[in-house]
Amino acid sequence: MKKPDFSIAKPALENVGPIQFVRQAVDELKKVSWPTRAETLKLTLVVLAVSVAVGAYIGGLDFIYTKLIETFLR
């Protein structure tokens, strides 16, 4: 019984000129499923909202810990 090959796949090491490289890159980009403008806007707003919430949370903790340390050091 042959053992399975779990080695990491290695990229093809062929000499590709710059023009062929750009063509291949364009071909791959055509295969990408791009989000719609509405999806992009919605997800951007989600990222901004979560960033603001996390920043406010960390800022609040910082404020509380600073006040606690100030009271203990007095």
C-alpha atoms as a PDB file:
ATOM      1  CA  MET A   1       0.000   0.000   0.000  1.00  0.00           C
ATOM      2  CA  LYS A   2       1.409   3.355  -1.037  1.00  0.00           C
ATOM      3  CA  LYS A   3       1.698   6.073   1.635  1.00  0.00           C
ATOM      4  CA  PRO A   4      -0.020   9.396   0.892  1.00  0.00           C
ATOM      5  CA  ASP A   5       2.241  12.301  -0.043  1.00  0.00           C
ATOM      6  CA  PHE A   6       1.754  15.129   2.471  1.00  0.00           C
ATOM      7  CA  SER A   7       4.544  17.317   1.161  1.00  0.00           C
ATOM      8  CA  ILE A   8       3.870  20.975   0.428  1.00  0.00           C
ATOM      9  CA  ALA A   9       3.036  21.722  -3.175  1.00  0.00           C
ATOM     10  CA  LYS A  10       5.858  23.544  -4.908  1.00  0.00           C
ATOM     11  CA  PRO A  11       5.224  26.266  -7.464  1.00  0.00           C
ATOM     12  CA  ALA A  12       6.311  25.644 -11.005  1.00  0.00           C
ATOM     13  CA  LEU A  13       9.700  27.239 -11.448  1.00  0.00           C
ATOM     14  CA  GLU A  14       9.531  28.204 -15.067  1.00  0.00           C
ATOM     15  CA  ASN A  15      10.988  31.318 -16.570  1.00  0.00           C
ATOM     16  CA  VAL A  16       8.010  33.568 -17.202  1.00  0.00           C
ATOM     17  CA  GLY A  17       8.568  36.847 -18.968  1.00  0.00           C
ATOM     18  CA  PRO A  18       6.935  40.032 -17.704  1.00  0.00           C
ATOM     19  CA  ILE A  19       4.303  40.104 -20.465  1.00  0.00           C
ATOM     20  CA  GLN A  20       3.276  36.498 -19.853  1.00  0.00           C
ATOM     21  CA  PHE A  21       3.189  37.183 -16.109  1.00  0.00           C
ATOM     22  CA  VAL A  22       0.806  40.141 -16.588  1.00  0.00           C
ATOM     23  CA  ARG A  23      -1.414  38.066 -18.890  1.00  0.00           C
ATOM     24  CA  GLN A  24      -1.591  35.282 -16.322  1.00  0.00           C
ATOM     25  CA  ALA A  25      -2.358  37.779 -13.568  1.00  0.00           C
ATOM     26  CA  VAL A  26      -5.178  39.323 -15.616  1.00  0.00           C
ATOM     27  CA  ASP A  27      -6.587  35.850 -16.350  1.00  0.00           C
ATOM     28  CA  GLU A  28      -6.598  35.025 -12.637  1.00  0.00           C
ATOM     29  CA  LEU A  29      -8.233  38.346 -11.743  1.00  0.00           C
ATOM     30  CA  LYS A  30     -11.045  37.588 -14.202  1.00  0.00           C
ATOM     31  CA  LYS A  31     -11.844  34.473 -12.147  1.00  0.00           C
ATOM     32  CA  VAL A  32     -12.268  36.452  -8.910  1.00  0.00           C
ATOM     33  CA  SER A  33     -15.774  36.908  -7.562  1.00  0.00           C
ATOM     34  CA  TRP A  34     -15.731  40.631  -6.764  1.00  0.00           C
ATOM     35  CA  PRO A  35     -18.233  42.068  -4.243  1.00  0.00           C
ATOM     36  CA  THR A  36     -20.856  44.512  -5.410  1.00  0.00           C
ATOM     37  CA  ARG A  37     -20.626  48.197  -4.536  1.00  0.00           C
ATOM     38  CA  ALA A  38     -23.408  47.777  -1.956  1.00  0.00           C
ATOM     39  CA  GLU A  39     -21.641  44.804  -0.315  1.00  0.00           C
ATOM     40  CA  THR A  40     -18.387  46.738  -0.181  1.00  0.00           C
ATOM     41  CA  LEU A  41     -20.068  49.747   1.418  1.00  0.00           C
ATOM     42  CA  LYS A  42     -21.916  47.592   3.962  1.00  0.00           C
ATOM     43  CA  LEU A  43     -18.808  45.645   4.961  1.00  0.00           C
ATOM     44  CA  THR A  44     -16.748  48.844   5.188  1.00  0.00           C
ATOM     45  CA  LEU A  45     -19.315  50.312   7.577  1.00  0.00           C
ATOM     46  CA  VAL A  46     -19.215  47.125   9.661  1.00  0.00           C
ATOM     47  CA  VAL A  47     -15.432  47.327   9.910  1.00  0.00           C
ATOM     48  CA  LEU A  48     -15.586  50.997  10.913  1.00  0.00           C
ATOM     49  CA  ALA A  49     -18.296  50.347  13.533  1.00  0.00           C
ATOM     50  CA  VAL A  50     -16.401  47.442  15.062  1.00  0.00           C
ATOM     51  CA  SER A  51     -13.173  49.470  15.078  1.00  0.00           C
ATOM     52  CA  VAL A  52     -14.878  52.365  16.876  1.00  0.00           C
ATOM     53  CA  ALA A  53     -16.504  49.984  19.389  1.00  0.00           C
ATOM     54  CA  VAL A  54     -13.224  48.210  20.164  1.00  0.00           C
ATOM     55  CA  GLY A  55     -11.420  51.551  20.429  1.00  0.00           C
ATOM     56  CA  ALA A  56     -14.056  52.878  22.837  1.00  0.00           C
ATOM     57  CA  TYR A  57     -13.861  49.691  24.910  1.00  0.00           C
ATOM     58  CA  ILE A  58     -10.071  49.807  25.162  1.00  0.00           C
ATOM     59  CA  GLY A  59     -10.174  53.558  25.830  1.00  0.00           C
ATOM     60  CA  GLY A  60     -12.710  52.995  28.607  1.00  0.00           C
ATOM     61  CA  LEU A  61     -10.579  50.302  30.207  1.00  0.00           C
ATOM     62  CA  ASP A  62      -7.546  52.567  29.973  1.00  0.00           C
ATOM     63  CA  PHE A  63      -9.456  55.401  31.662  1.00  0.00           C
ATOM     64  CA  ILE A  64     -10.704  53.135  34.461  1.00  0.00           C
ATOM     65  CA  TYR A  65      -7.288  51.590  35.113  1.00  0.00           C
ATOM     66  CA  THR A  66      -5.618  55.002  35.062  1.00  0.00           C
ATOM     67  CA  LYS A  67      -8.074  56.322  37.672  1.00  0.00           C
ATOM     68  CA  LEU A  68      -7.600  53.204  39.822  1.00  0.00           C
ATOM     69  CA  ILE A  69      -3.823  53.513  39.743  1.00  0.00           C
ATOM     70  CA  GLU A  70      -4.021  57.252  40.527  1.00  0.00           C
ATOM     71  CA  THR A  71      -6.154  56.561  43.614  1.00  0.00           C
ATOM     72  CA  PHE A  72      -3.812  53.834  44.857  1.00  0.00           C
ATOM     73  CA  LEU A  73      -0.721  56.001  44.367  1.00  0.00           C
ATOM     74  CA  ARG A  74      -2.103  58.945  46.358  1.00  0.00           C
END
